[in-house]
Amino acid sequence: MTSDTPIANPQRILPAWRDYLELTKPRVVLLIVFTALVGMFLAVPGVPPLRALLLGSLGIWLAASSAAVVNHVIDQRIDSEMARTRHRPLPEGKMDELRAVLFSLVLGASSMLLLTCWVNALTALLTFASLIGYAIVYTLWLKRATPQNIVIGGAAGAMPPVLGWTTVTNDVHANALLLFLIVFAWTPPHFWALAIARREEYAKIGMPMLPVVYGVALTRLHIVLYTLILTIVTILPVLTGMSGLVYGAIALVLDAIFLWHVWRLYRDGDADLARPMRTFWWSIAYLGYLFGALLVDHYASPLLARL
């Protein structure tokens, strides 16, 4: 072969580490682990044990990453037909299915081993159930079976704060379930805003998302109603004594901004084509701020009470 012989296949032979990282949906997993961390801190009056904090976070991160990779594998055909996802590693051919599956198995097995041996069996069991719930029940079945897929499947995505709580206490407390309820109520308006923005792509691939099956107008109404439910749910930590007025004040401001976004979506949705994505991106920031407020209040309110 001479130096000027053209290379038949210039594409790299092996996937780069960035392709593996992208399969894990790192930004989504970061929010998942953050809500789990908040659950850990809220489970105890002081600071959680460092061992539980580090190993629990790592185990939950590994499980969430494993579920994300399975999602990529199952959805690779439809991902190739959507503008938002067609450049993911599997549709572009940067990663083959076998490597992705093996990567997912390694992540999942590592998570279960770590949580079972060095955290506790309850957290391992609940984490495994969440992994199966999202990766298999939601992605493989619910997503393609019903327009209420995100409502039913949202239970798996709402588990991380409970997993964080059980990591520290080895017990499912009522307050942990309240954190679960917040994420569960947040999920539909969060995802339906994206579904409105991408409804034509979902319709093209035959995915029965709510705006595809029942129309955008009804979906916008559902978003408003679920955001009102979310507002009520986010006040429950104050009413039950789980959190104090610091959290309550911040939550009211965040809820007001979220309601403003969804009201604009409901009122001006047809005239403002960018509004669904604005609502979607705010919903992500909202959840991070809300759980951050829970964490701040957990330590600030006892100090203020002593003043």
Protein backbone atom coordinates (compact mmCIF):
# COMPACT_ATOMS: atom_id res chain seq x y z
CA MET A 1 0.00 0.00 0.00
CA THR A 2 1.42 3.37 -1.00
CA SER A 3 1.10 6.54 1.09
CA ASP A 4 -1.50 7.98 -1.29
CA THR A 5 -3.80 4.93 -1.18
CA PRO A 6 -7.27 6.08 0.01
CA ILE A 7 -8.59 4.63 3.22
CA ALA A 8 -11.69 2.51 2.52
CA ASN A 9 -13.43 3.27 5.83
CA PRO A 10 -12.23 6.43 7.55
CA GLN A 11 -14.65 5.86 10.48
CA ARG A 12 -12.85 4.77 13.64
CA ILE A 13 -12.98 1.05 14.35
CA LEU A 14 -13.74 1.28 18.09
CA PRO A 15 -16.15 3.64 19.83
CA ALA A 16 -14.57 6.55 21.70
CA TRP A 17 -15.14 7.04 25.42
CA ARG A 18 -17.43 9.95 24.53
CA ASP A 19 -19.79 7.54 22.77
CA TYR A 20 -20.02 5.38 25.88
CA LEU A 21 -20.58 8.48 27.98
CA GLU A 22 -23.34 9.73 25.67
CA LEU A 23 -25.14 6.39 25.97
CA THR A 24 -25.49 7.00 29.73
CA LYS A 25 -27.38 10.30 29.23
CA PRO A 26 -25.07 12.11 31.70
CA ARG A 27 -27.16 15.27 32.09
CA VAL A 28 -30.30 13.29 32.91
CA VAL A 29 -28.39 11.01 35.27
CA LEU A 30 -26.85 14.04 37.01
CA LEU A 31 -30.33 15.29 37.96
CA ILE A 32 -31.30 11.77 39.07
CA VAL A 33 -28.26 11.46 41.34
CA PHE A 34 -28.81 14.97 42.72
CA THR A 35 -32.37 14.16 43.82
CA ALA A 36 -31.05 10.94 45.37
CA LEU A 37 -28.39 12.92 47.25
CA VAL A 38 -31.04 15.27 48.61
CA GLY A 39 -32.96 12.22 49.80
CA MET A 40 -29.84 11.06 51.66
CA PHE A 41 -29.34 14.40 53.42
CA LEU A 42 -33.02 14.79 54.32
CA ALA A 43 -33.06 11.30 55.86
CA VAL A 44 -30.89 12.33 58.82
CA PRO A 45 -30.74 15.43 61.06
CA GLY A 46 -27.03 16.00 60.46
CA VAL A 47 -24.76 14.78 57.69
CA PRO A 48 -25.17 11.28 56.19
CA PRO A 49 -22.31 8.81 56.74
CA LEU A 50 -19.64 9.38 54.13
CA ARG A 51 -19.57 5.69 53.16
CA ALA A 52 -23.30 5.61 52.43
CA LEU A 53 -23.11 8.95 50.65
CA LEU A 54 -20.34 7.93 48.26
CA LEU A 55 -21.24 4.29 47.64
CA GLY A 56 -24.98 4.97 47.44
CA SER A 57 -24.48 7.77 44.92
CA LEU A 58 -22.15 5.62 42.84
CA GLY A 59 -24.54 2.66 42.87
CA ILE A 60 -27.52 4.80 41.86
CA TRP A 61 -25.46 6.50 39.15
CA LEU A 62 -24.40 3.14 37.72
CA ALA A 63 -27.98 1.83 37.69
CA ALA A 64 -29.39 4.99 36.09
CA SER A 65 -26.63 4.89 33.46
CA SER A 66 -27.36 1.22 32.74
CA ALA A 67 -31.06 2.01 32.22
CA ALA A 68 -30.14 4.88 29.89
CA VAL A 69 -28.00 2.59 27.73
CA VAL A 70 -30.86 0.06 27.48
CA ASN A 71 -33.10 2.93 26.41
CA HIS A 72 -30.65 3.76 23.60
CA VAL A 73 -30.54 0.13 22.45
CA ILE A 74 -34.31 -0.35 22.40
CA ASP A 75 -35.02 3.01 20.78
CA GLN A 76 -32.22 3.02 18.20
CA ARG A 77 -34.61 2.53 15.26
CA ILE A 78 -36.93 5.37 16.21
CA ASP A 79 -33.96 7.50 17.28
CA SER A 80 -32.65 7.28 13.71
CA GLU A 81 -35.89 8.82 12.43
CA MET A 82 -36.04 11.79 14.80
CA ALA A 83 -33.99 14.95 14.35
CA ARG A 84 -33.44 15.27 18.11
CA THR A 85 -31.90 11.82 18.45
CA ARG A 86 -30.56 10.75 15.06
CA HIS A 87 -26.99 11.73 15.97
CA ARG A 88 -26.82 9.42 18.98
CA PRO A 89 -24.01 6.81 18.85
CA LEU A 90 -26.15 3.81 17.80
CA PRO A 91 -28.12 5.45 14.94
CA GLU A 92 -24.91 7.00 13.58
CA GLY A 93 -23.05 3.71 13.70
CA LYS A 94 -20.43 4.95 16.17
CA MET A 95 -21.42 2.14 18.53
CA ASP A 96 -22.67 -1.36 17.76
CA GLU A 97 -25.55 -2.95 19.64
CA LEU A 98 -23.50 -5.76 21.22
CA ARG A 99 -21.02 -3.35 22.82
CA ALA A 100 -23.88 -1.21 24.10
CA VAL A 101 -25.67 -4.21 25.63
CA LEU A 102 -22.47 -5.46 27.27
CA PHE A 103 -21.77 -1.95 28.58
CA SER A 104 -25.25 -1.80 30.09
CA LEU A 105 -24.85 -5.21 31.72
CA VAL A 106 -21.52 -4.22 33.26
CA LEU A 107 -23.00 -1.00 34.64
CA GLY A 108 -26.10 -2.73 35.99
CA ALA A 109 -24.23 -5.67 37.53
CA SER A 110 -21.70 -3.31 39.14
CA SER A 111 -24.53 -1.28 40.63
CA MET A 112 -26.30 -4.31 42.09
CA LEU A 113 -23.05 -5.75 43.49
CA LEU A 114 -22.05 -2.46 45.08
CA LEU A 115 -25.47 -1.70 46.58
CA THR A 116 -26.06 -5.23 47.85
CA CYS A 117 -22.64 -5.77 49.40
CA TRP A 118 -21.75 -2.31 50.68
CA VAL A 119 -25.02 -0.35 51.07
CA ASN A 120 -28.08 -2.48 51.87
CA ALA A 121 -30.34 -5.04 50.21
CA LEU A 122 -33.45 -2.81 50.30
CA THR A 123 -31.75 -0.08 48.25
CA ALA A 124 -30.41 -2.68 45.81
CA LEU A 125 -33.87 -4.22 45.38
CA LEU A 126 -35.62 -0.88 44.85
CA THR A 127 -32.90 0.27 42.47
CA PHE A 128 -33.20 -2.91 40.43
CA ALA A 129 -37.00 -2.50 40.28
CA SER A 130 -36.54 1.11 39.08
CA LEU A 131 -34.03 0.01 36.44
CA ILE A 132 -36.40 -2.64 35.08
CA GLY A 133 -39.36 -0.25 35.35
CA TYR A 134 -37.71 2.40 33.20
CA ALA A 135 -35.57 0.34 30.83
CA ILE A 136 -38.03 -2.45 30.11
CA VAL A 137 -41.59 -1.67 31.27
CA TYR A 138 -41.59 1.98 30.16
CA THR A 139 -39.21 1.97 27.19
CA LEU A 140 -40.15 -1.37 25.68
CA TRP A 141 -43.88 -1.48 26.44
CA LEU A 142 -45.62 1.59 27.91
CA LYS A 143 -43.95 4.07 25.57
CA ARG A 144 -45.51 2.30 22.60
CA ALA A 145 -48.77 1.19 24.24
CA THR A 146 -50.62 4.21 25.68
CA PRO A 147 -50.70 8.03 25.58
CA GLN A 148 -50.51 7.89 29.40
CA ASN A 149 -47.09 6.24 29.14
CA ILE A 150 -45.24 9.01 30.95
CA VAL A 151 -47.78 9.13 33.79
CA ILE A 152 -47.58 5.40 34.49
CA GLY A 153 -43.90 5.06 33.71
CA GLY A 154 -43.08 8.14 35.77
CA ALA A 155 -43.06 5.98 38.89
CA ALA A 156 -39.66 4.55 37.94
CA GLY A 157 -38.22 7.99 37.30
CA ALA A 158 -39.53 9.28 40.64
CA MET A 159 -37.68 6.68 42.73
CA PRO A 160 -34.19 8.25 43.12
CA PRO A 161 -34.97 10.34 46.25
CA VAL A 162 -36.45 7.22 47.85
CA LEU A 163 -33.31 5.29 46.93
CA GLY A 164 -31.22 8.02 48.51
CA TRP A 165 -33.30 7.85 51.68
CA THR A 166 -33.07 4.07 51.99
CA THR A 167 -29.32 4.21 51.33
CA VAL A 168 -28.90 5.99 54.66
CA THR A 169 -31.74 4.55 56.75
CA ASN A 170 -32.51 1.12 55.20
CA ASP A 171 -36.17 2.10 55.57
CA VAL A 172 -38.89 3.64 53.37
CA HIS A 173 -40.20 6.59 55.38
CA ALA A 174 -43.34 8.61 54.62
CA ASN A 175 -41.16 11.66 53.91
CA ALA A 176 -39.28 9.67 51.27
CA LEU A 177 -42.59 8.89 49.60
CA LEU A 178 -43.39 12.60 49.66
CA LEU A 179 -40.21 13.28 47.69
CA PHE A 180 -41.28 10.52 45.30
CA LEU A 181 -44.66 12.22 44.88
CA ILE A 182 -43.03 15.54 43.95
CA VAL A 183 -41.01 14.00 41.11
CA PHE A 184 -43.97 11.86 40.04
CA ALA A 185 -46.23 14.93 39.71
CA TRP A 186 -43.48 16.90 37.95
CA THR A 187 -42.82 14.31 35.24
CA PRO A 188 -45.97 14.69 33.04
CA PRO A 189 -45.83 18.48 32.53
CA HIS A 190 -42.08 18.24 32.03
CA PHE A 191 -42.26 15.59 29.32
CA TRP A 192 -45.50 16.69 27.64
CA ALA A 193 -43.96 20.09 26.90
CA LEU A 194 -41.24 18.27 24.95
CA ALA A 195 -43.83 16.00 23.32
CA ILE A 196 -45.70 19.04 22.01
CA ALA A 197 -42.50 20.46 20.51
CA ARG A 198 -41.67 17.11 18.87
CA ARG A 199 -45.20 15.93 18.11
CA GLU A 200 -44.66 15.72 14.33
CA GLU A 201 -41.64 13.47 14.80
CA TYR A 202 -43.53 11.27 17.27
CA ALA A 203 -46.43 11.05 14.82
CA LYS A 204 -44.04 10.07 12.02
CA ILE A 205 -42.68 7.10 13.96
CA GLY A 206 -46.11 6.07 15.28
CA MET A 207 -45.39 6.79 18.93
CA PRO A 208 -48.71 7.34 20.77
CA MET A 209 -47.74 10.42 22.76
CA LEU A 210 -50.58 12.48 24.20
CA PRO A 211 -50.37 15.39 21.69
CA VAL A 212 -50.26 12.88 18.81
CA VAL A 213 -53.32 10.90 19.93
CA TYR A 214 -55.49 13.59 21.53
CA GLY A 215 -54.10 16.81 20.09
CA VAL A 216 -52.04 19.72 21.34
CA ALA A 217 -54.91 21.66 22.91
CA LEU A 218 -55.85 18.84 25.28
CA THR A 219 -52.18 18.22 26.08
CA ARG A 220 -51.71 21.87 27.03
CA LEU A 221 -54.73 21.60 29.34
CA HIS A 222 -53.25 18.47 30.92
CA ILE A 223 -49.97 20.32 31.49
CA VAL A 224 -51.80 23.11 33.32
CA LEU A 225 -53.76 20.68 35.49
CA TYR A 226 -50.73 18.57 36.39
CA THR A 227 -48.71 21.69 37.22
CA LEU A 228 -51.48 22.77 39.60
CA ILE A 229 -51.31 19.32 41.20
CA LEU A 230 -47.54 19.70 41.41
CA THR A 231 -47.94 23.06 43.15
CA ILE A 232 -50.12 21.48 45.81
CA VAL A 233 -47.74 18.56 46.26
CA THR A 234 -44.72 20.82 46.68
CA ILE A 235 -46.39 22.57 49.63
CA LEU A 236 -46.97 19.28 51.47
CA PRO A 237 -43.45 19.17 52.95
CA VAL A 238 -44.26 22.38 54.84
CA LEU A 239 -47.73 21.22 55.90
CA THR A 240 -46.38 17.91 57.20
CA GLY A 241 -43.47 19.50 59.04
CA MET A 242 -40.86 17.83 56.85
CA SER A 243 -39.54 21.23 55.72
CA GLY A 244 -39.79 24.78 56.97
CA LEU A 245 -40.63 28.24 55.72
CA VAL A 246 -37.35 28.70 53.85
CA TYR A 247 -38.27 25.87 51.52
CA GLY A 248 -41.92 26.96 51.47
CA ALA A 249 -41.07 30.49 50.30
CA ILE A 250 -38.71 29.29 47.57
CA ALA A 251 -41.19 26.62 46.43
CA LEU A 252 -43.96 29.19 46.05
CA VAL A 253 -41.74 31.38 43.84
CA LEU A 254 -40.65 28.41 41.71
CA ASP A 255 -44.25 27.20 41.39
CA ALA A 256 -45.39 30.67 40.34
CA ILE A 257 -42.76 30.78 37.58
CA PHE A 258 -43.67 27.27 36.42
CA LEU A 259 -47.37 28.16 36.35
CA TRP A 260 -46.56 31.31 34.37
CA HIS A 261 -44.72 29.22 31.79
CA VAL A 262 -47.51 26.67 31.42
CA TRP A 263 -50.18 29.37 31.31
CA ARG A 264 -48.30 31.06 28.48
CA LEU A 265 -48.04 27.66 26.79
CA TYR A 266 -51.78 27.13 27.21
CA ARG A 267 -52.74 30.63 26.05
CA ASP A 268 -50.16 31.38 23.34
CA GLY A 269 -49.04 27.90 22.30
CA ASP A 270 -50.10 28.23 18.66
CA ALA A 271 -48.62 31.71 18.28
CA ASP A 272 -45.31 31.03 20.08
CA LEU A 273 -43.71 27.90 18.64
CA ALA A 274 -40.73 28.19 20.99
CA ARG A 275 -42.88 28.16 24.12
CA PRO A 276 -43.04 24.34 24.57
CA MET A 277 -39.24 24.05 24.65
CA ARG A 278 -38.94 27.04 26.99
CA THR A 279 -41.37 25.30 29.32
CA PHE A 280 -39.44 22.05 29.01
CA TRP A 281 -36.09 23.62 29.85
CA TRP A 282 -37.55 25.57 32.76
CA SER A 283 -39.06 22.38 34.16
CA ILE A 284 -35.58 20.83 34.40
CA ALA A 285 -34.18 23.88 36.19
CA TYR A 286 -37.28 23.95 38.40
CA LEU A 287 -36.73 20.46 39.77
CA GLY A 288 -33.08 21.15 40.50
CA TYR A 289 -33.91 24.41 42.28
CA LEU A 290 -36.75 22.81 44.21
CA PHE A 291 -34.61 19.97 45.57
CA GLY A 292 -31.86 22.46 46.25
CA ALA A 293 -34.37 24.43 48.33
CA LEU A 294 -35.25 21.28 50.28
CA LEU A 295 -31.56 20.77 51.04
CA VAL A 296 -30.95 24.39 52.09
CA ASP A 297 -34.04 24.42 54.29
CA HIS A 298 -33.00 21.17 56.00
CA TYR A 299 -30.08 22.99 57.58
CA ALA A 300 -31.24 26.63 57.53
CA SER A 301 -34.63 26.26 59.25
CA PRO A 302 -33.26 24.72 62.49
CA LEU A 303 -30.72 27.57 62.69
CA LEU A 304 -33.40 30.21 62.15
CA ALA A 305 -35.61 28.57 64.78
CA ARG A 306 -32.90 29.14 67.38
CA LEU A 307 -32.67 32.88 66.67
